[in-house]
Amino acid sequence: MFAPAQASRLIPNYTMLTQCAAGHPVLSLMHRPGKEKRGVVMLESGDWDAWLHGTAAQADEPIKLPPLGVLRSGAEKPEKEELLPAEQLQALRSGT
């Protein structure tokens, strides 16, 4: 929450942290070919204080893309899954 110096109420605020996702096996698929690949970083609640109040190095430490298995992925239209290369589809299904 943000409280402007001359305001008498709190104002909700949100931040979306992103990181390059070009090398992530799932998140790299989320944007059109040739476009920058970005992925949302999900900070654990235990990392909030370091991110908000720590040194630059402490704040940077928890900024990581989620590992495989944390997010679920699949084709919006399963009949279109053949659009992925077979080896990539197999890796996604096996979680490797």
PDB file of N, CA and C in Angstrom:
ATOM      1  N   MET A   1       0.834  -1.175   0.000  1.00  0.00           N
ATOM      2  CA  MET A   1       0.000   0.000   0.000  1.00  0.00           C
ATOM      3  C   MET A   1       0.881   1.242   0.000  1.00  0.00           C
ATOM      4  N   PHE A   2       0.412   2.236  -0.698  1.00  0.00           N
ATOM      5  CA  PHE A   2       1.130   3.494  -0.806  1.00  0.00           C
ATOM      6  C   PHE A   2       0.319   4.573  -0.110  1.00  0.00           C
ATOM      7  N   ALA A   3       0.981   5.358   0.714  1.00  0.00           N
ATOM      8  CA  ALA A   3       0.311   6.451   1.405  1.00  0.00           C
ATOM      9  C   ALA A   3       1.005   7.756   1.040  1.00  0.00           C
ATOM     10  N   PRO A   4       0.449   8.525   0.099  1.00  0.00           N
ATOM     11  CA  PRO A   4       1.048   9.809  -0.226  1.00  0.00           C
ATOM     12  C   PRO A   4       1.147  10.689   1.016  1.00  0.00           C
ATOM     13  N   ALA A   5       2.166  11.531   1.067  1.00  0.00           N
ATOM     14  CA  ALA A   5       2.425  12.353   2.253  1.00  0.00           C
ATOM     15  C   ALA A   5       1.217  13.184   2.669  1.00  0.00           C
ATOM     16  N   GLN A   6       0.435  13.662   1.713  1.00  0.00           N
ATOM     17  CA  GLN A   6      -0.687  14.529   2.061  1.00  0.00           C
ATOM     18  C   GLN A   6      -2.032  13.832   1.921  1.00  0.00           C
ATOM     19  N   ALA A   7      -2.030  12.538   1.840  1.00  0.00           N
ATOM     20  CA  ALA A   7      -3.289  11.803   1.696  1.00  0.00           C
ATOM     21  C   ALA A   7      -3.661  11.157   3.020  1.00  0.00           C
ATOM     22  N   SER A   8      -4.922  10.965   3.216  1.00  0.00           N
ATOM     23  CA  SER A   8      -5.393  10.337   4.452  1.00  0.00           C
ATOM     24  C   SER A   8      -5.820   8.893   4.232  1.00  0.00           C
ATOM     25  N   ARG A   9      -5.542   8.351   3.066  1.00  0.00           N
ATOM     26  CA  ARG A   9      -5.927   6.962   2.797  1.00  0.00           C
ATOM     27  C   ARG A   9      -4.797   6.228   2.082  1.00  0.00           C
ATOM     28  N   LEU A  10      -4.836   4.923   2.177  1.00  0.00           N
ATOM     29  CA  LEU A  10      -3.859   4.081   1.496  1.00  0.00           C
ATOM     30  C   LEU A  10      -4.333   3.821   0.068  1.00  0.00           C
ATOM     31  N   ILE A  11      -3.405   3.757  -0.839  1.00  0.00           N
ATOM     32  CA  ILE A  11      -3.720   3.503  -2.242  1.00  0.00           C
ATOM     33  C   ILE A  11      -3.068   2.174  -2.625  1.00  0.00           C
ATOM     34  N   PRO A  12      -3.860   1.182  -3.063  1.00  0.00           N
ATOM     35  CA  PRO A  12      -3.261  -0.098  -3.465  1.00  0.00           C
ATOM     36  C   PRO A  12      -2.295   0.086  -4.626  1.00  0.00           C
ATOM     37  N   ASN A  13      -1.166  -0.596  -4.557  1.00  0.00           N
ATOM     38  CA  ASN A  13      -0.148  -0.547  -5.607  1.00  0.00           C
ATOM     39  C   ASN A  13       0.304  -1.957  -5.919  1.00  0.00           C
ATOM     40  N   TYR A  14       0.719  -2.184  -7.154  1.00  0.00           N
ATOM     41  CA  TYR A  14       1.164  -3.499  -7.590  1.00  0.00           C
ATOM     42  C   TYR A  14       2.373  -3.339  -8.502  1.00  0.00           C
ATOM     43  N   THR A  15       3.236  -4.319  -8.461  1.00  0.00           N
ATOM     44  CA  THR A  15       4.399  -4.339  -9.331  1.00  0.00           C
ATOM     45  C   THR A  15       4.480  -5.702  -9.988  1.00  0.00           C
ATOM     46  N   MET A  16       4.747  -5.728 -11.278  1.00  0.00           N
ATOM     47  CA  MET A  16       4.960  -6.996 -11.961  1.00  0.00           C
ATOM     48  C   MET A  16       6.417  -7.039 -12.390  1.00  0.00           C
ATOM     49  N   LEU A  17       7.159  -7.934 -11.760  1.00  0.00           N
ATOM     50  CA  LEU A  17       8.557  -8.125 -12.111  1.00  0.00           C
ATOM     51  C   LEU A  17       8.639  -9.142 -13.233  1.00  0.00           C
ATOM     52  N   THR A  18       9.446  -8.846 -14.234  1.00  0.00           N
ATOM     53  CA  THR A  18       9.668  -9.808 -15.310  1.00  0.00           C
ATOM     54  C   THR A  18      11.160 -10.000 -15.515  1.00  0.00           C
ATOM     55  N   GLN A  19      11.485 -11.100 -16.134  1.00  0.00           N
ATOM     56  CA  GLN A  19      12.872 -11.434 -16.420  1.00  0.00           C
ATOM     57  C   GLN A  19      12.923 -12.078 -17.806  1.00  0.00           C
ATOM     58  N   CYS A  20      14.060 -11.957 -18.447  1.00  0.00           N
ATOM     59  CA  CYS A  20      14.221 -12.589 -19.753  1.00  0.00           C
ATOM     60  C   CYS A  20      13.920 -14.084 -19.630  1.00  0.00           C
ATOM     61  N   ALA A  21      13.074 -14.585 -20.505  1.00  0.00           N
ATOM     62  CA  ALA A  21      12.680 -15.988 -20.461  1.00  0.00           C
ATOM     63  C   ALA A  21      13.090 -16.739 -21.722  1.00  0.00           C
ATOM     64  N   ALA A  22      14.022 -16.185 -22.474  1.00  0.00           N
ATOM     65  CA  ALA A  22      14.416 -16.802 -23.749  1.00  0.00           C
ATOM     66  C   ALA A  22      14.920 -18.225 -23.573  1.00  0.00           C
ATOM     67  N   GLY A  23      15.556 -18.540 -22.456  1.00  0.00           N
ATOM     68  CA  GLY A  23      16.087 -19.878 -22.243  1.00  0.00           C
ATOM     69  C   GLY A  23      15.190 -20.787 -21.428  1.00  0.00           C
ATOM     70  N   HIS A  24      14.023 -20.309 -21.004  1.00  0.00           N
ATOM     71  CA  HIS A  24      13.111 -21.128 -20.189  1.00  0.00           C
ATOM     72  C   HIS A  24      12.329 -22.062 -21.106  1.00  0.00           C
ATOM     73  N   PRO A  25      12.260 -23.362 -20.775  1.00  0.00           N
ATOM     74  CA  PRO A  25      11.622 -24.321 -21.687  1.00  0.00           C
ATOM     75  C   PRO A  25      10.131 -24.114 -21.909  1.00  0.00           C
ATOM     76  N   VAL A  26       9.424 -23.468 -20.985  1.00  0.00           N
ATOM     77  CA  VAL A  26       7.987 -23.226 -21.161  1.00  0.00           C
ATOM     78  C   VAL A  26       7.717 -21.755 -21.477  1.00  0.00           C
ATOM     79  N   LEU A  27       8.250 -20.867 -20.651  1.00  0.00           N
ATOM     80  CA  LEU A  27       7.938 -19.446 -20.818  1.00  0.00           C
ATOM     81  C   LEU A  27       8.456 -18.874 -22.131  1.00  0.00           C
ATOM     82  N   SER A  28       9.475 -19.481 -22.706  1.00  0.00           N
ATOM     83  CA  SER A  28       9.988 -18.997 -23.993  1.00  0.00           C
ATOM     84  C   SER A  28       8.987 -19.219 -25.125  1.00  0.00           C
ATOM     85  N   LEU A  29       7.978 -20.033 -24.881  1.00  0.00           N
ATOM     86  CA  LEU A  29       6.958 -20.312 -25.899  1.00  0.00           C
ATOM     87  C   LEU A  29       5.811 -19.306 -25.877  1.00  0.00           C
ATOM     88  N   MET A  30       5.812 -18.386 -24.914  1.00  0.00           N
ATOM     89  CA  MET A  30       4.637 -17.547 -24.669  1.00  0.00           C
ATOM     90  C   MET A  30       4.494 -16.332 -25.576  1.00  0.00           C
ATOM     91  N   HIS A  31       5.491 -16.022 -26.369  1.00  0.00           N
ATOM     92  CA  HIS A  31       5.403 -14.846 -27.234  1.00  0.00           C
ATOM     93  C   HIS A  31       5.672 -15.243 -28.678  1.00  0.00           C
ATOM     94  N   ARG A  32       5.227 -14.406 -29.577  1.00  0.00           N
ATOM     95  CA  ARG A  32       5.406 -14.689 -30.999  1.00  0.00           C
ATOM     96  C   ARG A  32       6.888 -14.819 -31.362  1.00  0.00           C
ATOM     97  N   PRO A  33       7.204 -15.624 -32.350  1.00  0.00           N
ATOM     98  CA  PRO A  33       8.593 -15.722 -32.810  1.00  0.00           C
ATOM     99  C   PRO A  33       9.144 -14.342 -33.150  1.00  0.00           C
ATOM    100  N   GLY A  34      10.379 -14.118 -32.742  1.00  0.00           N
ATOM    101  CA  GLY A  34      11.030 -12.843 -33.014  1.00  0.00           C
ATOM    102  C   GLY A  34      10.752 -11.765 -31.985  1.00  0.00           C
ATOM    103  N   LYS A  35       9.828 -12.003 -31.060  1.00  0.00           N
ATOM    104  CA  LYS A  35       9.520 -11.033 -30.013  1.00  0.00           C
ATOM    105  C   LYS A  35      10.315 -11.379 -28.760  1.00  0.00           C
ATOM    106  N   GLU A  36      10.572 -10.357 -27.950  1.00  0.00           N
ATOM    107  CA  GLU A  36      11.304 -10.584 -26.702  1.00  0.00           C
ATOM    108  C   GLU A  36      10.518 -11.541 -25.809  1.00  0.00           C
ATOM    109  N   LYS A  37      11.220 -12.482 -25.222  1.00  0.00           N
ATOM    110  CA  LYS A  37      10.604 -13.480 -24.344  1.00  0.00           C
ATOM    111  C   LYS A  37      10.777 -13.014 -22.902  1.00  0.00           C
ATOM    112  N   ARG A  38       9.686 -12.684 -22.223  1.00  0.00           N
ATOM    113  CA  ARG A  38       9.714 -12.243 -20.834  1.00  0.00           C
ATOM    114  C   ARG A  38       8.832 -13.179 -20.023  1.00  0.00           C
ATOM    115  N   GLY A  39       9.215 -13.392 -18.787  1.00  0.00           N
ATOM    116  CA  GLY A  39       8.423 -14.222 -17.883  1.00  0.00           C
ATOM    117  C   GLY A  39       8.218 -13.503 -16.567  1.00  0.00           C
ATOM    118  N   VAL A  40       7.066 -13.687 -15.958  1.00  0.00           N
ATOM    119  CA  VAL A  40       6.750 -13.061 -14.682  1.00  0.00           C
ATOM    120  C   VAL A  40       7.500 -13.784 -13.566  1.00  0.00           C
ATOM    121  N   VAL A  41       8.119 -13.001 -12.695  1.00  0.00           N
ATOM    122  CA  VAL A  41       8.826 -13.524 -11.525  1.00  0.00           C
ATOM    123  C   VAL A  41       7.836 -13.539 -10.372  1.00  0.00           C
ATOM    124  N   MET A  42       7.751 -14.653  -9.673  1.00  0.00           N
ATOM    125  CA  MET A  42       6.851 -14.763  -8.528  1.00  0.00           C
ATOM    126  C   MET A  42       7.689 -14.810  -7.253  1.00  0.00           C
ATOM    127  N   LEU A  43       7.687 -13.711  -6.501  1.00  0.00           N
ATOM    128  CA  LEU A  43       8.448 -13.674  -5.257  1.00  0.00           C
ATOM    129  C   LEU A  43       7.694 -14.412  -4.167  1.00  0.00           C
ATOM    130  N   GLU A  44       8.404 -15.262  -3.450  1.00  0.00           N
ATOM    131  CA  GLU A  44       7.825 -15.927  -2.285  1.00  0.00           C
ATOM    132  C   GLU A  44       7.662 -14.878  -1.184  1.00  0.00           C
ATOM    133  N   SER A  45       6.669 -15.019  -0.339  1.00  0.00           N
ATOM    134  CA  SER A  45       6.427 -14.023   0.710  1.00  0.00           C
ATOM    135  C   SER A  45       7.645 -13.851   1.618  1.00  0.00           C
ATOM    136  N   GLY A  46       8.424 -14.905   1.804  1.00  0.00           N
ATOM    137  CA  GLY A  46       9.623 -14.807   2.624  1.00  0.00           C
ATOM    138  C   GLY A  46      10.714 -13.949   2.005  1.00  0.00           C
ATOM    139  N   ASP A  47      10.586 -13.623   0.708  1.00  0.00           N
ATOM    140  CA  ASP A  47      11.575 -12.800   0.012  1.00  0.00           C
ATOM    141  C   ASP A  47      11.169 -11.329  -0.100  1.00  0.00           C
ATOM    142  N   TRP A  48       9.965 -11.004   0.311  1.00  0.00           N
ATOM    143  CA  TRP A  48       9.472  -9.643   0.135  1.00  0.00           C
ATOM    144  C   TRP A  48      10.341  -8.611   0.840  1.00  0.00           C
ATOM    145  N   ASP A  49      10.716  -8.879   2.081  1.00  0.00           N
ATOM    146  CA  ASP A  49      11.484  -7.901   2.841  1.00  0.00           C
ATOM    147  C   ASP A  49      12.836  -7.626   2.181  1.00  0.00           C
ATOM    148  N   ALA A  50      13.523  -8.677   1.743  1.00  0.00           N
ATOM    149  CA  ALA A  50      14.817  -8.495   1.080  1.00  0.00           C
ATOM    150  C   ALA A  50      14.651  -7.706  -0.208  1.00  0.00           C
ATOM    151  N   TRP A  51      13.582  -7.984  -0.951  1.00  0.00           N
ATOM    152  CA  TRP A  51      13.368  -7.280  -2.210  1.00  0.00           C
ATOM    153  C   TRP A  51      13.041  -5.802  -1.960  1.00  0.00           C
ATOM    154  N   LEU A  52      12.265  -5.533  -0.930  1.00  0.00           N
ATOM    155  CA  LEU A  52      11.857  -4.160  -0.654  1.00  0.00           C
ATOM    156  C   LEU A  52      12.902  -3.348   0.114  1.00  0.00           C
ATOM    157  N   HIS A  53      13.627  -3.997   1.034  1.00  0.00           N
ATOM    158  CA  HIS A  53      14.473  -3.247   1.954  1.00  0.00           C
ATOM    159  C   HIS A  53      15.937  -3.670   1.960  1.00  0.00           C
ATOM    160  N   GLY A  54      16.296  -4.678   1.210  1.00  0.00           N
ATOM    161  CA  GLY A  54      17.669  -5.175   1.233  1.00  0.00           C
ATOM    162  C   GLY A  54      18.596  -4.385   0.333  1.00  0.00           C
ATOM    163  N   THR A  55      19.841  -4.828   0.304  1.00  0.00           N
ATOM    164  CA  THR A  55      20.811  -4.249  -0.619  1.00  0.00           C
ATOM    165  C   THR A  55      20.424  -4.645  -2.048  1.00  0.00           C
ATOM    166  N   ALA A  56      21.089  -4.061  -3.012  1.00  0.00           N
ATOM    167  CA  ALA A  56      20.799  -4.414  -4.404  1.00  0.00           C
ATOM    168  C   ALA A  56      21.031  -5.908  -4.637  1.00  0.00           C
ATOM    169  N   ALA A  57      22.098  -6.453  -4.072  1.00  0.00           N
ATOM    170  CA  ALA A  57      22.382  -7.884  -4.235  1.00  0.00           C
ATOM    171  C   ALA A  57      21.323  -8.740  -3.558  1.00  0.00           C
ATOM    172  N   GLN A  58      20.867  -8.346  -2.387  1.00  0.00           N
ATOM    173  CA  GLN A  58      19.819  -9.100  -1.675  1.00  0.00           C
ATOM    174  C   GLN A  58      18.496  -9.026  -2.431  1.00  0.00           C
ATOM    175  N   ALA A  59      18.201  -7.875  -2.994  1.00  0.00           N
ATOM    176  CA  ALA A  59      16.950  -7.710  -3.739  1.00  0.00           C
ATOM    177  C   ALA A  59      16.970  -8.500  -5.035  1.00  0.00           C
ATOM    178  N   ASP A  60      18.139  -8.655  -5.631  1.00  0.00           N
ATOM    179  CA  ASP A  60      18.266  -9.362  -6.906  1.00  0.00           C
ATOM    180  C   ASP A  60      18.216 -10.883  -6.732  1.00  0.00           C
ATOM    181  N   GLU A  61      18.631 -11.373  -5.582  1.00  0.00           N
ATOM    182  CA  GLU A  61      18.735 -12.820  -5.341  1.00  0.00           C
ATOM    183  C   GLU A  61      17.431 -13.592  -5.596  1.00  0.00           C
ATOM    184  N   PRO A  62      16.273 -13.142  -5.096  1.00  0.00           N
ATOM    185  CA  PRO A  62      15.057 -13.943  -5.309  1.00  0.00           C
ATOM    186  C   PRO A  62      14.411 -13.771  -6.684  1.00  0.00           C
ATOM    187  N   ILE A  63      14.971 -12.931  -7.536  1.00  0.00           N
ATOM    188  CA  ILE A  63      14.359 -12.684  -8.847  1.00  0.00           C
ATOM    189  C   ILE A  63      14.807 -13.776  -9.807  1.00  0.00           C
ATOM    190  N   LYS A  64      13.962 -14.802  -9.904  1.00  0.00           N
ATOM    191  CA  LYS A  64      14.239 -15.969 -10.754  1.00  0.00           C
ATOM    192  C   LYS A  64      12.942 -16.412 -11.407  1.00  0.00           C
ATOM    193  N   LEU A  65      13.067 -16.940 -12.585  1.00  0.00           N
ATOM    194  CA  LEU A  65      11.901 -17.536 -13.230  1.00  0.00           C
ATOM    195  C   LEU A  65      11.556 -18.833 -12.514  1.00  0.00           C
ATOM    196  N   PRO A  66      10.292 -19.211 -12.508  1.00  0.00           N
ATOM    197  CA  PRO A  66       9.908 -20.446 -11.826  1.00  0.00           C
ATOM    198  C   PRO A  66      10.499 -21.673 -12.507  1.00  0.00           C
ATOM    199  N   PRO A  67      10.942 -22.655 -11.705  1.00  0.00           N
ATOM    200  CA  PRO A  67      11.463 -23.885 -12.302  1.00  0.00           C
ATOM    201  C   PRO A  67      10.338 -24.705 -12.933  1.00  0.00           C
ATOM    202  N   LEU A  68      10.721 -25.632 -13.787  1.00  0.00           N
ATOM    203  CA  LEU A  68       9.722 -26.536 -14.374  1.00  0.00           C
ATOM    204  C   LEU A  68       8.963 -27.244 -13.262  1.00  0.00           C
ATOM    205  N   GLY A  69       7.688 -27.438 -13.474  1.00  0.00           N
ATOM    206  CA  GLY A  69       6.861 -28.120 -12.489  1.00  0.00           C
ATOM    207  C   GLY A  69       6.060 -27.168 -11.627  1.00  0.00           C
ATOM    208  N   VAL A  70       6.483 -25.910 -11.517  1.00  0.00           N
ATOM    209  CA  VAL A  70       5.747 -24.939 -10.715  1.00  0.00           C
ATOM    210  C   VAL A  70       4.538 -24.435 -11.494  1.00  0.00           C
ATOM    211  N   LEU A  71       4.731 -24.202 -12.774  1.00  0.00           N
ATOM    212  CA  LEU A  71       3.636 -23.772 -13.640  1.00  0.00           C
ATOM    213  C   LEU A  71       3.150 -24.961 -14.457  1.00  0.00           C
ATOM    214  N   ARG A  72       1.890 -24.973 -14.740  1.00  0.00           N
ATOM    215  CA  ARG A  72       1.348 -26.008 -15.616  1.00  0.00           C
ATOM    216  C   ARG A  72       1.202 -25.407 -16.996  1.00  0.00           C
ATOM    217  N   SER A  73       1.467 -26.187 -17.997  1.00  0.00           N
ATOM    218  CA  SER A  73       1.347 -25.681 -19.357  1.00  0.00           C
ATOM    219  C   SER A  73       0.641 -26.706 -20.229  1.00  0.00           C
ATOM    220  N   GLY A  74       0.078 -26.203 -21.282  1.00  0.00           N
ATOM    221  CA  GLY A  74      -0.581 -27.078 -22.237  1.00  0.00           C
ATOM    222  C   GLY A  74      -1.166 -26.228 -23.342  1.00  0.00           C
ATOM    223  N   ALA A  75      -1.503 -26.855 -24.398  1.00  0.00           N
ATOM    224  CA  ALA A  75      -2.081 -26.132 -25.525  1.00  0.00           C
ATOM    225  C   ALA A  75      -3.477 -25.654 -25.168  1.00  0.00           C
ATOM    226  N   GLU A  76      -3.806 -24.443 -25.579  1.00  0.00           N
ATOM    227  CA  GLU A  76      -5.166 -23.940 -25.389  1.00  0.00           C
ATOM    228  C   GLU A  76      -6.143 -24.858 -26.116  1.00  0.00           C
ATOM    229  N   LYS A  77      -5.707 -25.319 -27.283  1.00  0.00           N
ATOM    230  CA  LYS A  77      -6.501 -26.257 -28.073  1.00  0.00           C
ATOM    231  C   LYS A  77      -5.630 -27.499 -28.247  1.00  0.00           C
ATOM    232  N   PRO A  78      -5.840 -28.521 -27.424  1.00  0.00           N
ATOM    233  CA  PRO A  78      -4.957 -29.702 -27.484  1.00  0.00           C
ATOM    234  C   PRO A  78      -4.778 -30.281 -28.868  1.00  0.00           C
ATOM    235  N   GLU A  79      -5.753 -30.123 -29.727  1.00  0.00           N
ATOM    236  CA  GLU A  79      -5.613 -30.655 -31.087  1.00  0.00           C
ATOM    237  C   GLU A  79      -4.534 -29.907 -31.875  1.00  0.00           C
ATOM    238  N   LYS A  80      -4.056 -28.768 -31.368  1.00  0.00           N
ATOM    239  CA  LYS A  80      -3.021 -27.983 -32.033  1.00  0.00           C
ATOM    240  C   LYS A  80      -1.626 -28.257 -31.473  1.00  0.00           C
ATOM    241  N   GLU A  81      -1.480 -29.214 -30.546  1.00  0.00           N
ATOM    242  CA  GLU A  81      -0.180 -29.482 -29.929  1.00  0.00           C
ATOM    243  C   GLU A  81       0.893 -29.847 -30.944  1.00  0.00           C
ATOM    244  N   GLU A  82       0.503 -30.324 -32.094  1.00  0.00           N
ATOM    245  CA  GLU A  82       1.502 -30.709 -33.091  1.00  0.00           C
ATOM    246  C   GLU A  82       2.280 -29.505 -33.609  1.00  0.00           C
ATOM    247  N   LEU A  83       1.881 -28.302 -33.224  1.00  0.00           N
ATOM    248  CA  LEU A  83       2.624 -27.106 -33.625  1.00  0.00           C
ATOM    249  C   LEU A  83       3.983 -27.019 -32.924  1.00  0.00           C
ATOM    250  N   LEU A  84       4.145 -27.709 -31.786  1.00  0.00           N
ATOM    251  CA  LEU A  84       5.423 -27.740 -31.076  1.00  0.00           C
ATOM    252  C   LEU A  84       6.298 -28.834 -31.664  1.00  0.00           C
ATOM    253  N   PRO A  85       7.622 -28.606 -31.677  1.00  0.00           N
ATOM    254  CA  PRO A  85       8.516 -29.691 -32.086  1.00  0.00           C
ATOM    255  C   PRO A  85       8.322 -30.895 -31.155  1.00  0.00           C
ATOM    256  N   ALA A  86       8.345 -32.101 -31.690  1.00  0.00           N
ATOM    257  CA  ALA A  86       8.057 -33.306 -30.914  1.00  0.00           C
ATOM    258  C   ALA A  86       8.942 -33.435 -29.684  1.00  0.00           C
ATOM    259  N   GLU A  87      10.255 -33.143 -29.812  1.00  0.00           N
ATOM    260  CA  GLU A  87      11.151 -33.278 -28.658  1.00  0.00           C
ATOM    261  C   GLU A  87      10.821 -32.254 -27.566  1.00  0.00           C
ATOM    262  N   GLN A  88      10.385 -31.073 -27.950  1.00  0.00           N
ATOM    263  CA  GLN A  88      10.016 -30.062 -26.957  1.00  0.00           C
ATOM    264  C   GLN A  88       8.713 -30.452 -26.261  1.00  0.00           C
ATOM    265  N   LEU A  89       7.753 -30.956 -27.002  1.00  0.00           N
ATOM    266  CA  LEU A  89       6.500 -31.405 -26.424  1.00  0.00           C
ATOM    267  C   LEU A  89       6.750 -32.559 -25.445  1.00  0.00           C
ATOM    268  N   GLN A  90       7.611 -33.494 -25.814  1.00  0.00           N
ATOM    269  CA  GLN A  90       7.938 -34.606 -24.921  1.00  0.00           C
ATOM    270  C   GLN A  90       8.610 -34.121 -23.647  1.00  0.00           C
ATOM    271  N   ALA A  91       9.528 -33.163 -23.758  1.00  0.00           N
ATOM    272  CA  ALA A  91      10.206 -32.610 -22.572  1.00  0.00           C
ATOM    273  C   ALA A  91       9.215 -31.917 -21.647  1.00  0.00           C
ATOM    274  N   LEU A  92       8.265 -31.202 -22.220  1.00  0.00           N
ATOM    275  CA  LEU A  92       7.244 -30.529 -21.390  1.00  0.00           C
ATOM    276  C   LEU A  92       6.380 -31.543 -20.664  1.00  0.00           C
ATOM    277  N   ARG A  93       5.996 -32.602 -21.373  1.00  0.00           N
ATOM    278  CA  ARG A  93       5.161 -33.625 -20.750  1.00  0.00           C
ATOM    279  C   ARG A  93       5.890 -34.373 -19.646  1.00  0.00           C
ATOM    280  N   SER A  94       7.193 -34.578 -19.824  1.00  0.00           N
ATOM    281  CA  SER A  94       7.946 -35.358 -18.826  1.00  0.00           C
ATOM    282  C   SER A  94       8.476 -34.483 -17.692  1.00  0.00           C
ATOM    283  N   GLY A  95       8.424 -33.154 -17.862  1.00  0.00           N
ATOM    284  CA  GLY A  95       8.883 -32.243 -16.816  1.00  0.00           C
ATOM    285  C   GLY A  95      10.386 -32.083 -16.771  1.00  0.00           C
ATOM    286  N   THR A  96      11.096 -32.421 -17.859  1.00  0.00           N
ATOM    287  CA  THR A  96      12.545 -32.260 -17.890  1.00  0.00           C
ATOM    288  C   THR A  96      12.956 -31.044 -18.682  1.00  0.00           C
TER     289      THR A  96
END
